[in-house]
Amino acid sequence: MLVAELGATSLTIGVANLAGEVIEFHDEACDIADGPHSVLGRVEALFHEILDKIEARSADVWGIGIGLPGPVEFATGRPIAPPIMPGWDGYPVRDRLGGVFDAPVWVDNEVNLMALGEVRAGSGGRHDDILYVKIGTGIGAGLVSGGRLHRGRQGCAGDIGHAAVLDDESIVCRCGNTGCLEAVAAGAALARDGTRAAETGRSAVLAEALRERGRVEASDVVHAATCGDRTAVELLVAAAHHIGTLLATLVSFYNPSLVVIGGGVAKAGDLLLATIRQNVYQRSLPLATRELRIEQSTLHDHAGLTGAAFMVLDELFTPARLARWLDTTTPHGSPALADTTA
């Protein structure tokens, strides 16, 4: 199986076996705002390269799983009005890749796939009710209920990044609304606030990063905080406070047994987790937190690829689909298998 996770500023592609194990992968920088033609063209090229590397053919591909950093209508495999993906609205991702590789393709939000990967092969294996939260350039969540991924009616369950956490019209989110969690606590917000701290001289470490590269990124803030830079610590703690406050509401509402924190900003480790835990345990209902664990992802950067592999396996081996391709011994050559109306 071919799998890919597209983030706001990077992409990762890989090959997985029928046990859901990613056996080969490649990652590189990529701007999702370059549009579907450019980004998917690169994904296709990398897929061909990785098949050559493992000495496989396109005809060996049983299915393709793709994660996108925005809302996806799961039934059609099309992104719908994604805030950070100009030019992608309604784009037929499934149809394009299915036509190139002549195999069924399933597309989902990247955080849903991370949640699925964590419950199947990560720290969530012993839990049936999980909330996975990715804190990267943006913020999103994936829900696992009763051991099954919960997508909601159209597929956009868990889009917490655009929940309002501040009544402040000066903080404009990329979605066009104001006061969104993503606009005050995600990686892009940390980079913005870190840049201001560097420019005003409040952080010598961040000022050095700005001089060296001409910009400050969220990873610079995380690094500065782990080195003890006071301003960077304050920025991370403020972001974690907003995230933890919203998660406290979700924990009381959803009552998971495990909250998994992933994404690039989560590499700040205990500095971030401690504040999130404090807010959740203080603000959630005591019964909801009695057995609750809040942990960092154990799959790290491979959670999305692993989840994409299990998504394909889950869909290929449903009784109805299995009956349609079992006689031919392979689902390759049947891209219409992914069409729920076929």
C-alpha atoms as a PDB file:
ATOM      1  CA  MET A   1       0.000   0.000   0.000  1.00  0.00           C
ATOM      2  CA  LEU A   2       1.097   3.551  -0.687  1.00  0.00           C
ATOM      3  CA  VAL A   3       0.496   6.083   2.075  1.00  0.00           C
ATOM      4  CA  ALA A   4       1.031   9.813   2.429  1.00  0.00           C
ATOM      5  CA  GLU A   5       0.503  12.490   5.037  1.00  0.00           C
ATOM      6  CA  LEU A   6       0.397  16.069   3.789  1.00  0.00           C
ATOM      7  CA  GLY A   7       0.871  18.767   6.387  1.00  0.00           C
ATOM      8  CA  ALA A   8       0.851  22.531   6.072  1.00  0.00           C
ATOM      9  CA  THR A   9       4.600  22.747   5.512  1.00  0.00           C
ATOM     10  CA  SER A  10       5.749  19.175   4.890  1.00  0.00           C
ATOM     11  CA  LEU A  11       4.837  15.878   3.305  1.00  0.00           C
ATOM     12  CA  THR A  12       5.682  12.311   4.205  1.00  0.00           C
ATOM     13  CA  ILE A  13       5.114   9.329   1.934  1.00  0.00           C
ATOM     14  CA  GLY A  14       5.675   5.656   2.499  1.00  0.00           C
ATOM     15  CA  VAL A  15       5.004   2.031   1.651  1.00  0.00           C
ATOM     16  CA  ALA A  16       3.152  -0.230   4.091  1.00  0.00           C
ATOM     17  CA  ASN A  17       2.595  -3.957   4.168  1.00  0.00           C
ATOM     18  CA  LEU A  18      -0.649  -5.796   4.896  1.00  0.00           C
ATOM     19  CA  ALA A  19       0.132  -5.793   8.616  1.00  0.00           C
ATOM     20  CA  GLY A  20      -0.071  -1.992   8.585  1.00  0.00           C
ATOM     21  CA  GLU A  21       3.682  -1.596   9.078  1.00  0.00           C
ATOM     22  CA  VAL A  22       5.419   1.256   7.252  1.00  0.00           C
ATOM     23  CA  ILE A  23       8.451  -0.425   5.685  1.00  0.00           C
ATOM     24  CA  GLU A  24       9.888   2.520   3.761  1.00  0.00           C
ATOM     25  CA  PHE A  25       9.277   6.267   3.975  1.00  0.00           C
ATOM     26  CA  HIS A  26      10.481   9.666   2.820  1.00  0.00           C
ATOM     27  CA  ASP A  27       9.733  13.166   4.113  1.00  0.00           C
ATOM     28  CA  GLU A  28      10.516  16.649   2.839  1.00  0.00           C
ATOM     29  CA  ALA A  29       9.403  20.254   3.102  1.00  0.00           C
ATOM     30  CA  CYS A  30       6.318  21.170   1.114  1.00  0.00           C
ATOM     31  CA  ASP A  31       3.891  24.100   1.118  1.00  0.00           C
ATOM     32  CA  ILE A  32       0.298  22.875   0.909  1.00  0.00           C
ATOM     33  CA  ALA A  33      -0.657  26.348  -0.353  1.00  0.00           C
ATOM     34  CA  ASP A  34       1.162  25.591  -3.635  1.00  0.00           C
ATOM     35  CA  GLY A  35      -2.064  23.877  -4.687  1.00  0.00           C
ATOM     36  CA  PRO A  36      -3.160  20.365  -5.629  1.00  0.00           C
ATOM     37  CA  HIS A  37      -1.489  20.145  -9.030  1.00  0.00           C
ATOM     38  CA  SER A  38       1.971  20.928  -7.689  1.00  0.00           C
ATOM     39  CA  VAL A  39       1.703  19.036  -4.401  1.00  0.00           C
ATOM     40  CA  LEU A  40       0.003  15.905  -5.742  1.00  0.00           C
ATOM     41  CA  GLY A  41       2.377  15.885  -8.695  1.00  0.00           C
ATOM     42  CA  ARG A  42       5.235  15.683  -6.212  1.00  0.00           C
ATOM     43  CA  VAL A  43       3.451  12.953  -4.238  1.00  0.00           C
ATOM     44  CA  GLU A  44       2.989  10.901  -7.416  1.00  0.00           C
ATOM     45  CA  ALA A  45       6.649  11.286  -8.331  1.00  0.00           C
ATOM     46  CA  LEU A  46       7.742  10.225  -4.846  1.00  0.00           C
ATOM     47  CA  PHE A  47       5.401   7.237  -4.936  1.00  0.00           C
ATOM     48  CA  HIS A  48       7.021   6.048  -8.176  1.00  0.00           C
ATOM     49  CA  GLU A  49      10.488   6.595  -6.689  1.00  0.00           C
ATOM     50  CA  ILE A  50       9.756   4.630  -3.542  1.00  0.00           C
ATOM     51  CA  LEU A  51       8.256   1.773  -5.551  1.00  0.00           C
ATOM     52  CA  ASP A  52      11.441   1.657  -7.610  1.00  0.00           C
ATOM     53  CA  LYS A  53      13.498   1.688  -4.418  1.00  0.00           C
ATOM     54  CA  ILE A  54      11.811  -1.448  -3.070  1.00  0.00           C
ATOM     55  CA  GLU A  55      11.730  -3.007  -6.546  1.00  0.00           C
ATOM     56  CA  ALA A  56       7.937  -3.047  -6.753  1.00  0.00           C
ATOM     57  CA  ARG A  57       5.566  -2.146  -9.562  1.00  0.00           C
ATOM     58  CA  SER A  58       2.435   0.002  -9.662  1.00  0.00           C
ATOM     59  CA  ALA A  59       0.536  -3.246 -10.257  1.00  0.00           C
ATOM     60  CA  ASP A  60       1.586  -4.381  -6.770  1.00  0.00           C
ATOM     61  CA  VAL A  61      -0.281  -1.496  -5.115  1.00  0.00           C
ATOM     62  CA  TRP A  62      -3.441  -2.717  -3.377  1.00  0.00           C
ATOM     63  CA  GLY A  63      -4.580   0.697  -2.194  1.00  0.00           C
ATOM     64  CA  ILE A  64      -3.572   4.255  -1.351  1.00  0.00           C
ATOM     65  CA  GLY A  65      -4.234   6.231   1.829  1.00  0.00           C
ATOM     66  CA  ILE A  66      -3.840  10.013   1.965  1.00  0.00           C
ATOM     67  CA  GLY A  67      -4.103  12.439   4.883  1.00  0.00           C
ATOM     68  CA  LEU A  68      -4.771  16.145   4.260  1.00  0.00           C
ATOM     69  CA  PRO A  69      -4.441  19.098   6.682  1.00  0.00           C
ATOM     70  CA  GLY A  70      -8.047  20.227   6.386  1.00  0.00           C
ATOM     71  CA  PRO A  71     -11.677  19.072   6.397  1.00  0.00           C
ATOM     72  CA  VAL A  72     -12.287  16.123   4.066  1.00  0.00           C
ATOM     73  CA  GLU A  73     -15.634  14.722   2.980  1.00  0.00           C
ATOM     74  CA  PHE A  74     -14.755  11.079   3.507  1.00  0.00           C
ATOM     75  CA  ALA A  75     -17.417   9.682   1.173  1.00  0.00           C
ATOM     76  CA  THR A  76     -16.002  11.537  -1.842  1.00  0.00           C
ATOM     77  CA  GLY A  77     -12.354  11.991  -0.853  1.00  0.00           C
ATOM     78  CA  ARG A  78     -12.577  15.728  -1.515  1.00  0.00           C
ATOM     79  CA  PRO A  79     -11.337  18.531   0.776  1.00  0.00           C
ATOM     80  CA  ILE A  80     -14.146  20.970   1.554  1.00  0.00           C
ATOM     81  CA  ALA A  81     -13.342  24.662   2.132  1.00  0.00           C
ATOM     82  CA  PRO A  82      -9.997  23.901   3.826  1.00  0.00           C
ATOM     83  CA  PRO A  83      -8.780  27.111   5.558  1.00  0.00           C
ATOM     84  CA  ILE A  84      -5.055  26.688   4.802  1.00  0.00           C
ATOM     85  CA  MET A  85      -5.318  24.976   1.412  1.00  0.00           C
ATOM     86  CA  PRO A  86      -6.060  27.539  -1.328  1.00  0.00           C
ATOM     87  CA  GLY A  87      -7.083  25.900  -4.588  1.00  0.00           C
ATOM     88  CA  TRP A  88      -7.969  22.571  -2.961  1.00  0.00           C
ATOM     89  CA  ASP A  89     -11.674  23.111  -2.300  1.00  0.00           C
ATOM     90  CA  GLY A  90     -13.586  20.234  -3.884  1.00  0.00           C
ATOM     91  CA  TYR A  91     -10.497  18.895  -5.659  1.00  0.00           C
ATOM     92  CA  PRO A  92     -10.929  15.202  -6.676  1.00  0.00           C
ATOM     93  CA  VAL A  93      -7.863  13.834  -4.868  1.00  0.00           C
ATOM     94  CA  ARG A  94      -9.184  10.276  -4.866  1.00  0.00           C
ATOM     95  CA  ASP A  95     -10.066  10.287  -8.550  1.00  0.00           C
ATOM     96  CA  ARG A  96      -6.703  11.720  -9.589  1.00  0.00           C
ATOM     97  CA  LEU A  97      -4.522   9.268  -7.670  1.00  0.00           C
ATOM     98  CA  GLY A  98      -6.835   6.364  -8.482  1.00  0.00           C
ATOM     99  CA  GLY A  99      -6.439   7.141 -12.161  1.00  0.00           C
ATOM    100  CA  VAL A 100      -2.651   7.353 -11.976  1.00  0.00           C
ATOM    101  CA  PHE A 101      -2.093   4.146 -10.003  1.00  0.00           C
ATOM    102  CA  ASP A 102      -5.244   2.196 -10.987  1.00  0.00           C
ATOM    103  CA  ALA A 103      -5.961   1.357  -7.353  1.00  0.00           C
ATOM    104  CA  PRO A 104      -8.598   2.347  -4.792  1.00  0.00           C
ATOM    105  CA  VAL A 105      -7.793   5.525  -2.847  1.00  0.00           C
ATOM    106  CA  TRP A 106      -9.111   6.769   0.474  1.00  0.00           C
ATOM    107  CA  VAL A 107      -8.584  10.325   1.715  1.00  0.00           C
ATOM    108  CA  ASP A 108      -9.103  11.648   5.237  1.00  0.00           C
ATOM    109  CA  ASN A 109      -8.060  14.470   7.510  1.00  0.00           C
ATOM    110  CA  GLU A 110      -4.480  13.890   8.664  1.00  0.00           C
ATOM    111  CA  VAL A 111      -5.349  14.076  12.367  1.00  0.00           C
ATOM    112  CA  ASN A 112      -7.999  11.376  11.987  1.00  0.00           C
ATOM    113  CA  LEU A 113      -5.280   9.155  10.567  1.00  0.00           C
ATOM    114  CA  MET A 114      -2.914   9.998  13.417  1.00  0.00           C
ATOM    115  CA  ALA A 115      -5.619   9.005  15.896  1.00  0.00           C
ATOM    116  CA  LEU A 116      -6.211   5.749  14.024  1.00  0.00           C
ATOM    117  CA  GLY A 117      -2.486   5.020  13.896  1.00  0.00           C
ATOM    118  CA  GLU A 118      -2.091   5.663  17.612  1.00  0.00           C
ATOM    119  CA  VAL A 119      -4.961   3.354  18.593  1.00  0.00           C
ATOM    120  CA  ARG A 120      -3.790   0.534  16.313  1.00  0.00           C
ATOM    121  CA  ALA A 121      -0.036   0.681  16.807  1.00  0.00           C
ATOM    122  CA  GLY A 122       0.800   3.274  19.461  1.00  0.00           C
ATOM    123  CA  SER A 123       0.029   4.100  23.067  1.00  0.00           C
ATOM    124  CA  GLY A 124      -3.712   3.896  22.427  1.00  0.00           C
ATOM    125  CA  GLY A 125      -3.741   0.135  21.934  1.00  0.00           C
ATOM    126  CA  ARG A 126      -5.162  -0.506  25.403  1.00  0.00           C
ATOM    127  CA  HIS A 127      -7.867   2.155  25.145  1.00  0.00           C
ATOM    128  CA  ASP A 128     -11.212   2.248  23.348  1.00  0.00           C
ATOM    129  CA  ASP A 129     -12.000   5.951  23.838  1.00  0.00           C
ATOM    130  CA  ILE A 130      -9.216   8.290  22.780  1.00  0.00           C
ATOM    131  CA  LEU A 131      -8.786  11.947  21.947  1.00  0.00           C
ATOM    132  CA  TYR A 132      -5.737  12.607  19.756  1.00  0.00           C
ATOM    133  CA  VAL A 133      -4.634  16.242  19.508  1.00  0.00           C
ATOM    134  CA  LYS A 134      -2.108  17.444  16.955  1.00  0.00           C
ATOM    135  CA  ILE A 135      -0.372  20.723  17.758  1.00  0.00           C
ATOM    136  CA  GLY A 136       1.582  21.724  14.696  1.00  0.00           C
ATOM    137  CA  THR A 137       1.257  24.628  12.283  1.00  0.00           C
ATOM    138  CA  GLY A 138      -2.445  24.233  13.032  1.00  0.00           C
ATOM    139  CA  ILE A 139      -4.401  22.356  15.683  1.00  0.00           C
ATOM    140  CA  GLY A 140      -6.795  19.469  15.145  1.00  0.00           C
ATOM    141  CA  ALA A 141      -8.201  16.472  16.958  1.00  0.00           C
ATOM    142  CA  GLY A 142      -9.164  12.909  16.108  1.00  0.00           C
ATOM    143  CA  LEU A 143     -11.760  10.954  18.064  1.00  0.00           C
ATOM    144  CA  VAL A 144     -11.769   7.210  18.665  1.00  0.00           C
ATOM    145  CA  SER A 145     -14.968   5.926  20.274  1.00  0.00           C
ATOM    146  CA  GLY A 146     -15.466   2.300  21.207  1.00  0.00           C
ATOM    147  CA  GLY A 147     -12.260   1.475  19.342  1.00  0.00           C
ATOM    148  CA  ARG A 148     -13.554   2.980  16.091  1.00  0.00           C
ATOM    149  CA  LEU A 149     -12.573   6.264  14.462  1.00  0.00           C
ATOM    150  CA  HIS A 150     -15.430   8.769  14.731  1.00  0.00           C
ATOM    151  CA  ARG A 151     -15.556  11.018  11.666  1.00  0.00           C
ATOM    152  CA  GLY A 152     -19.029  12.472  12.096  1.00  0.00           C
ATOM    153  CA  ARG A 153     -21.682  12.730   9.398  1.00  0.00           C
ATOM    154  CA  GLN A 154     -19.584  14.516   6.758  1.00  0.00           C
ATOM    155  CA  GLY A 155     -16.135  13.717   8.105  1.00  0.00           C
ATOM    156  CA  CYS A 156     -15.171  16.901   9.962  1.00  0.00           C
ATOM    157  CA  ALA A 157     -15.515  15.766  13.591  1.00  0.00           C
ATOM    158  CA  GLY A 158     -12.654  17.005  15.766  1.00  0.00           C
ATOM    159  CA  ASP A 159     -11.881  20.294  14.024  1.00  0.00           C
ATOM    160  CA  ILE A 160     -11.088  22.038  17.309  1.00  0.00           C
ATOM    161  CA  GLY A 161      -8.534  24.448  15.849  1.00  0.00           C
ATOM    162  CA  HIS A 162     -11.304  26.811  14.833  1.00  0.00           C
ATOM    163  CA  ALA A 163     -13.194  26.788  18.111  1.00  0.00           C
ATOM    164  CA  ALA A 164     -13.273  30.295  19.597  1.00  0.00           C
ATOM    165  CA  VAL A 165     -11.232  30.641  22.785  1.00  0.00           C
ATOM    166  CA  LEU A 166     -10.832  34.444  22.918  1.00  0.00           C
ATOM    167  CA  ASP A 167     -13.253  37.305  22.329  1.00  0.00           C
ATOM    168  CA  ASP A 168     -10.619  39.376  20.577  1.00  0.00           C
ATOM    169  CA  GLU A 169     -11.293  40.648  17.065  1.00  0.00           C
ATOM    170  CA  SER A 170      -7.648  41.652  16.616  1.00  0.00           C
ATOM    171  CA  ILE A 171      -6.563  38.004  16.440  1.00  0.00           C
ATOM    172  CA  VAL A 172      -7.637  36.919  12.975  1.00  0.00           C
ATOM    173  CA  CYS A 173      -7.390  33.252  12.071  1.00  0.00           C
ATOM    174  CA  ARG A 174      -6.580  31.903   8.601  1.00  0.00           C
ATOM    175  CA  CYS A 175     -10.177  30.660   8.410  1.00  0.00           C
ATOM    176  CA  GLY A 176     -11.377  34.279   8.495  1.00  0.00           C
ATOM    177  CA  ASN A 177     -12.852  34.189  11.990  1.00  0.00           C
ATOM    178  CA  THR A 178     -11.319  35.745  15.098  1.00  0.00           C
ATOM    179  CA  GLY A 179     -10.126  34.326  18.405  1.00  0.00           C
ATOM    180  CA  CYS A 180      -9.725  30.727  17.164  1.00  0.00           C
ATOM    181  CA  LEU A 181      -7.598  28.320  19.188  1.00  0.00           C
ATOM    182  CA  GLU A 182      -5.289  27.846  16.203  1.00  0.00           C
ATOM    183  CA  ALA A 183      -4.746  31.594  15.916  1.00  0.00           C
ATOM    184  CA  VAL A 184      -3.509  31.903  19.501  1.00  0.00           C
ATOM    185  CA  ALA A 185      -1.843  28.575  20.293  1.00  0.00           C
ATOM    186  CA  ALA A 186      -0.711  26.691  17.160  1.00  0.00           C
ATOM    187  CA  GLY A 187       2.756  26.629  15.635  1.00  0.00           C
ATOM    188  CA  ALA A 188       2.015  29.570  13.332  1.00  0.00           C
ATOM    189  CA  ALA A 189       0.923  31.629  16.349  1.00  0.00           C
ATOM    190  CA  LEU A 190       4.070  30.681  18.267  1.00  0.00           C
ATOM    191  CA  ALA A 191       6.190  31.709  15.286  1.00  0.00           C
ATOM    192  CA  ARG A 192       4.340  35.028  15.067  1.00  0.00           C
ATOM    193  CA  ASP A 193       4.689  35.795  18.760  1.00  0.00           C
ATOM    194  CA  GLY A 194       8.279  34.530  18.785  1.00  0.00           C
ATOM    195  CA  THR A 195       9.130  36.909  15.960  1.00  0.00           C
ATOM    196  CA  ARG A 196       7.730  39.823  17.958  1.00  0.00           C
ATOM    197  CA  ALA A 197       9.753  38.759  20.983  1.00  0.00           C
ATOM    198  CA  ALA A 198      12.897  38.629  18.849  1.00  0.00           C
ATOM    199  CA  GLU A 199      12.247  42.025  17.250  1.00  0.00           C
ATOM    200  CA  THR A 200      11.608  43.733  20.582  1.00  0.00           C
ATOM    201  CA  GLY A 201      14.645  42.165  22.244  1.00  0.00           C
ATOM    202  CA  ARG A 202      12.660  40.196  24.828  1.00  0.00           C
ATOM    203  CA  SER A 203      14.450  36.967  23.853  1.00  0.00           C
ATOM    204  CA  ALA A 204      18.125  36.815  22.969  1.00  0.00           C
ATOM    205  CA  VAL A 205      17.810  33.220  21.732  1.00  0.00           C
ATOM    206  CA  LEU A 206      14.958  34.040  19.358  1.00  0.00           C
ATOM    207  CA  ALA A 207      16.706  37.227  18.242  1.00  0.00           C
ATOM    208  CA  GLU A 208      19.692  35.105  17.240  1.00  0.00           C
ATOM    209  CA  ALA A 209      17.430  32.775  15.243  1.00  0.00           C
ATOM    210  CA  LEU A 210      15.927  35.787  13.482  1.00  0.00           C
ATOM    211  CA  ARG A 211      19.378  37.143  12.601  1.00  0.00           C
ATOM    212  CA  GLU A 212      20.599  33.792  11.283  1.00  0.00           C
ATOM    213  CA  ARG A 213      17.625  32.825   9.093  1.00  0.00           C
ATOM    214  CA  GLY A 214      15.549  35.968   8.771  1.00  0.00           C
ATOM    215  CA  ARG A 215      12.554  34.331  10.467  1.00  0.00           C
ATOM    216  CA  VAL A 216      11.474  32.625  13.677  1.00  0.00           C
ATOM    217  CA  GLU A 217       9.669  29.291  13.514  1.00  0.00           C
ATOM    218  CA  ALA A 218       7.691  27.387  16.132  1.00  0.00           C
ATOM    219  CA  SER A 219      10.600  24.942  16.449  1.00  0.00           C
ATOM    220  CA  ASP A 220      12.812  27.873  17.469  1.00  0.00           C
ATOM    221  CA  VAL A 221      10.402  28.756  20.261  1.00  0.00           C
ATOM    222  CA  VAL A 222      10.332  25.127  21.419  1.00  0.00           C
ATOM    223  CA  HIS A 223      14.137  24.932  21.339  1.00  0.00           C
ATOM    224  CA  ALA A 224      14.531  28.227  23.188  1.00  0.00           C
ATOM    225  CA  ALA A 225      12.057  27.115  25.848  1.00  0.00           C
ATOM    226  CA  THR A 226      13.866  23.819  26.428  1.00  0.00           C
ATOM    227  CA  CYS A 227      17.067  25.853  26.844  1.00  0.00           C
ATOM    228  CA  GLY A 228      15.400  27.866  29.595  1.00  0.00           C
ATOM    229  CA  ASP A 229      14.653  31.085  27.681  1.00  0.00           C
ATOM    230  CA  ARG A 230      12.072  32.830  29.854  1.00  0.00           C
ATOM    231  CA  THR A 231      10.104  34.499  27.074  1.00  0.00           C
ATOM    232  CA  ALA A 232       9.888  31.291  25.036  1.00  0.00           C
ATOM    233  CA  VAL A 233       8.708  29.422  28.137  1.00  0.00           C
ATOM    234  CA  GLU A 234       6.012  32.045  28.670  1.00  0.00           C
ATOM    235  CA  LEU A 235       4.834  31.704  25.057  1.00  0.00           C
ATOM    236  CA  LEU A 236       4.612  27.915  25.308  1.00  0.00           C
ATOM    237  CA  VAL A 237       2.836  28.010  28.663  1.00  0.00           C
ATOM    238  CA  ALA A 238       0.296  30.535  27.338  1.00  0.00           C
ATOM    239  CA  ALA A 239      -0.406  28.330  24.301  1.00  0.00           C
ATOM    240  CA  ALA A 240      -0.714  25.234  26.501  1.00  0.00           C
ATOM    241  CA  HIS A 241      -3.116  27.099  28.784  1.00  0.00           C
ATOM    242  CA  HIS A 242      -5.496  27.843  25.898  1.00  0.00           C
ATOM    243  CA  ILE A 243      -5.237  24.279  24.588  1.00  0.00           C
ATOM    244  CA  GLY A 244      -5.758  22.757  28.039  1.00  0.00           C
ATOM    245  CA  THR A 245      -8.772  24.947  28.751  1.00  0.00           C
ATOM    246  CA  LEU A 246     -10.526  23.805  25.585  1.00  0.00           C
ATOM    247  CA  LEU A 247      -9.507  20.178  26.156  1.00  0.00           C
ATOM    248  CA  ALA A 248     -11.022  20.336  29.646  1.00  0.00           C
ATOM    249  CA  THR A 249     -14.403  20.988  28.053  1.00  0.00           C
ATOM    250  CA  LEU A 250     -13.896  18.167  25.559  1.00  0.00           C
ATOM    251  CA  VAL A 251     -12.832  15.735  28.286  1.00  0.00           C
ATOM    252  CA  SER A 252     -16.005  16.435  30.261  1.00  0.00           C
ATOM    253  CA  PHE A 253     -18.091  16.172  27.096  1.00  0.00           C
ATOM    254  CA  TYR A 254     -16.487  13.086  25.550  1.00  0.00           C
ATOM    255  CA  ASN A 255     -14.986  11.304  28.610  1.00  0.00           C
ATOM    256  CA  PRO A 256     -11.981   9.617  26.941  1.00  0.00           C
ATOM    257  CA  SER A 257      -9.620   7.376  28.889  1.00  0.00           C
ATOM    258  CA  LEU A 258      -6.572   8.736  27.034  1.00  0.00           C
ATOM    259  CA  VAL A 259      -5.582  12.059  25.485  1.00  0.00           C
ATOM    260  CA  VAL A 260      -2.596  11.784  23.140  1.00  0.00           C
ATOM    261  CA  ILE A 261      -0.672  14.947  22.219  1.00  0.00           C
ATOM    262  CA  GLY A 262       1.264  14.897  18.944  1.00  0.00           C
ATOM    263  CA  GLY A 263       2.613  17.272  16.315  1.00  0.00           C
ATOM    264  CA  GLY A 264       5.765  19.359  16.083  1.00  0.00           C
ATOM    265  CA  VAL A 265       4.973  21.639  19.027  1.00  0.00           C
ATOM    266  CA  ALA A 266       4.437  18.568  21.227  1.00  0.00           C
ATOM    267  CA  LYS A 267       8.212  18.027  21.041  1.00  0.00           C
ATOM    268  CA  ALA A 268       8.389  20.589  23.849  1.00  0.00           C
ATOM    269  CA  GLY A 269       7.515  17.593  26.037  1.00  0.00           C
ATOM    270  CA  ASP A 270       6.714  18.031  29.706  1.00  0.00           C
ATOM    271  CA  LEU A 271       6.876  21.808  29.531  1.00  0.00           C
ATOM    272  CA  LEU A 272       3.781  21.747  27.300  1.00  0.00           C
ATOM    273  CA  LEU A 273       2.127  18.657  28.788  1.00  0.00           C
ATOM    274  CA  ALA A 274       2.347  19.857  32.391  1.00  0.00           C
ATOM    275  CA  THR A 275       0.293  22.977  31.668  1.00  0.00           C
ATOM    276  CA  ILE A 276      -2.231  21.072  29.562  1.00  0.00           C
ATOM    277  CA  ARG A 277      -2.627  18.471  32.310  1.00  0.00           C
ATOM    278  CA  GLN A 278      -3.019  21.122  34.978  1.00  0.00           C
ATOM    279  CA  ASN A 279      -5.825  22.867  33.097  1.00  0.00           C
ATOM    280  CA  VAL A 280      -7.626  19.648  32.189  1.00  0.00           C
ATOM    281  CA  TYR A 281      -7.521  18.168  35.703  1.00  0.00           C
ATOM    282  CA  GLN A 282      -8.581  21.449  37.310  1.00  0.00           C
ATOM    283  CA  ARG A 283     -11.411  22.283  34.940  1.00  0.00           C
ATOM    284  CA  SER A 284     -12.897  18.919  33.900  1.00  0.00           C
ATOM    285  CA  LEU A 285     -15.410  16.933  35.911  1.00  0.00           C
ATOM    286  CA  PRO A 286     -13.728  14.775  38.589  1.00  0.00           C
ATOM    287  CA  LEU A 287     -15.386  11.613  37.257  1.00  0.00           C
ATOM    288  CA  ALA A 288     -14.112  12.363  33.723  1.00  0.00           C
ATOM    289  CA  THR A 289     -10.512  12.671  34.940  1.00  0.00           C
ATOM    290  CA  ARG A 290     -10.482   9.895  37.511  1.00  0.00           C
ATOM    291  CA  GLU A 291      -8.741   7.424  35.185  1.00  0.00           C
ATOM    292  CA  LEU A 292      -7.681   9.867  32.453  1.00  0.00           C
ATOM    293  CA  ARG A 293      -4.133   9.786  31.119  1.00  0.00           C
ATOM    294  CA  ILE A 294      -2.599  12.589  29.021  1.00  0.00           C
ATOM    295  CA  GLU A 295       0.495  11.445  27.129  1.00  0.00           C
ATOM    296  CA  GLN A 296       2.772  12.379  24.261  1.00  0.00           C
ATOM    297  CA  SER A 297       2.423  10.379  21.046  1.00  0.00           C
ATOM    298  CA  THR A 298       4.636   7.297  20.863  1.00  0.00           C
ATOM    299  CA  LEU A 299       4.470   7.122  17.059  1.00  0.00           C
ATOM    300  CA  HIS A 300       5.611  10.733  16.628  1.00  0.00           C
ATOM    301  CA  ASP A 301       6.059  11.582  12.923  1.00  0.00           C
ATOM    302  CA  HIS A 302       4.833   8.164  11.718  1.00  0.00           C
ATOM    303  CA  ALA A 303       1.376   8.297  13.291  1.00  0.00           C
ATOM    304  CA  GLY A 304      -0.266   9.634  10.121  1.00  0.00           C
ATOM    305  CA  LEU A 305       1.364   7.122   7.776  1.00  0.00           C
ATOM    306  CA  THR A 306       0.482   4.244  10.075  1.00  0.00           C
ATOM    307  CA  GLY A 307      -3.105   5.429  10.311  1.00  0.00           C
ATOM    308  CA  ALA A 308      -3.319   5.793   6.532  1.00  0.00           C
ATOM    309  CA  ALA A 309      -2.241   2.166   6.149  1.00  0.00           C
ATOM    310  CA  PHE A 310      -4.870   0.934   8.589  1.00  0.00           C
ATOM    311  CA  MET A 311      -7.526   3.090   6.928  1.00  0.00           C
ATOM    312  CA  VAL A 312      -6.864   1.325   3.621  1.00  0.00           C
ATOM    313  CA  LEU A 313      -6.882  -2.102   5.279  1.00  0.00           C
ATOM    314  CA  ASP A 314     -10.138  -1.354   7.116  1.00  0.00           C
ATOM    315  CA  GLU A 315     -11.844  -0.271   3.906  1.00  0.00           C
ATOM    316  CA  LEU A 316     -10.469  -3.040   1.674  1.00  0.00           C
ATOM    317  CA  PHE A 317     -11.510  -5.808   4.026  1.00  0.00           C
ATOM    318  CA  THR A 318     -15.069  -4.787   4.782  1.00  0.00           C
ATOM    319  CA  PRO A 319     -17.270  -7.782   3.879  1.00  0.00           C
ATOM    320  CA  ALA A 320     -18.963  -5.926   1.012  1.00  0.00           C
ATOM    321  CA  ARG A 321     -15.722  -4.779  -0.616  1.00  0.00           C
ATOM    322  CA  LEU A 322     -13.882  -8.035  -0.025  1.00  0.00           C
ATOM    323  CA  ALA A 323     -16.598  -9.881  -1.927  1.00  0.00           C
ATOM    324  CA  ARG A 324     -16.028  -7.582  -4.927  1.00  0.00           C
ATOM    325  CA  TRP A 325     -12.304  -8.249  -5.369  1.00  0.00           C
ATOM    326  CA  LEU A 326     -11.572 -11.599  -3.711  1.00  0.00           C
ATOM    327  CA  ASP A 327     -12.128 -13.647  -6.879  1.00  0.00           C
ATOM    328  CA  THR A 328      -9.448 -11.628  -8.702  1.00  0.00           C
ATOM    329  CA  THR A 329      -7.041 -12.038  -5.714  1.00  0.00           C
ATOM    330  CA  THR A 330      -6.077  -8.341  -5.773  1.00  0.00           C
ATOM    331  CA  PRO A 331      -7.916  -5.014  -5.483  1.00  0.00           C
ATOM    332  CA  HIS A 332      -5.432  -3.443  -7.903  1.00  0.00           C
ATOM    333  CA  GLY A 333      -7.188  -2.400 -11.087  1.00  0.00           C
ATOM    334  CA  SER A 334     -10.389  -1.547  -9.211  1.00  0.00           C
ATOM    335  CA  PRO A 335     -10.209   2.120  -8.148  1.00  0.00           C
ATOM    336  CA  ALA A 336     -14.026   2.181  -8.029  1.00  0.00           C
ATOM    337  CA  LEU A 337     -13.842   0.102  -4.826  1.00  0.00           C
ATOM    338  CA  ALA A 338     -13.366   3.360  -2.927  1.00  0.00           C
ATOM    339  CA  ASP A 339     -16.621   4.774  -4.299  1.00  0.00           C
ATOM    340  CA  THR A 340     -19.277   4.202  -1.631  1.00  0.00           C
ATOM    341  CA  THR A 341     -22.033   4.609  -4.225  1.00  0.00           C
ATOM    342  CA  ALA A 342     -20.618   2.012  -6.622  1.00  0.00           C
END
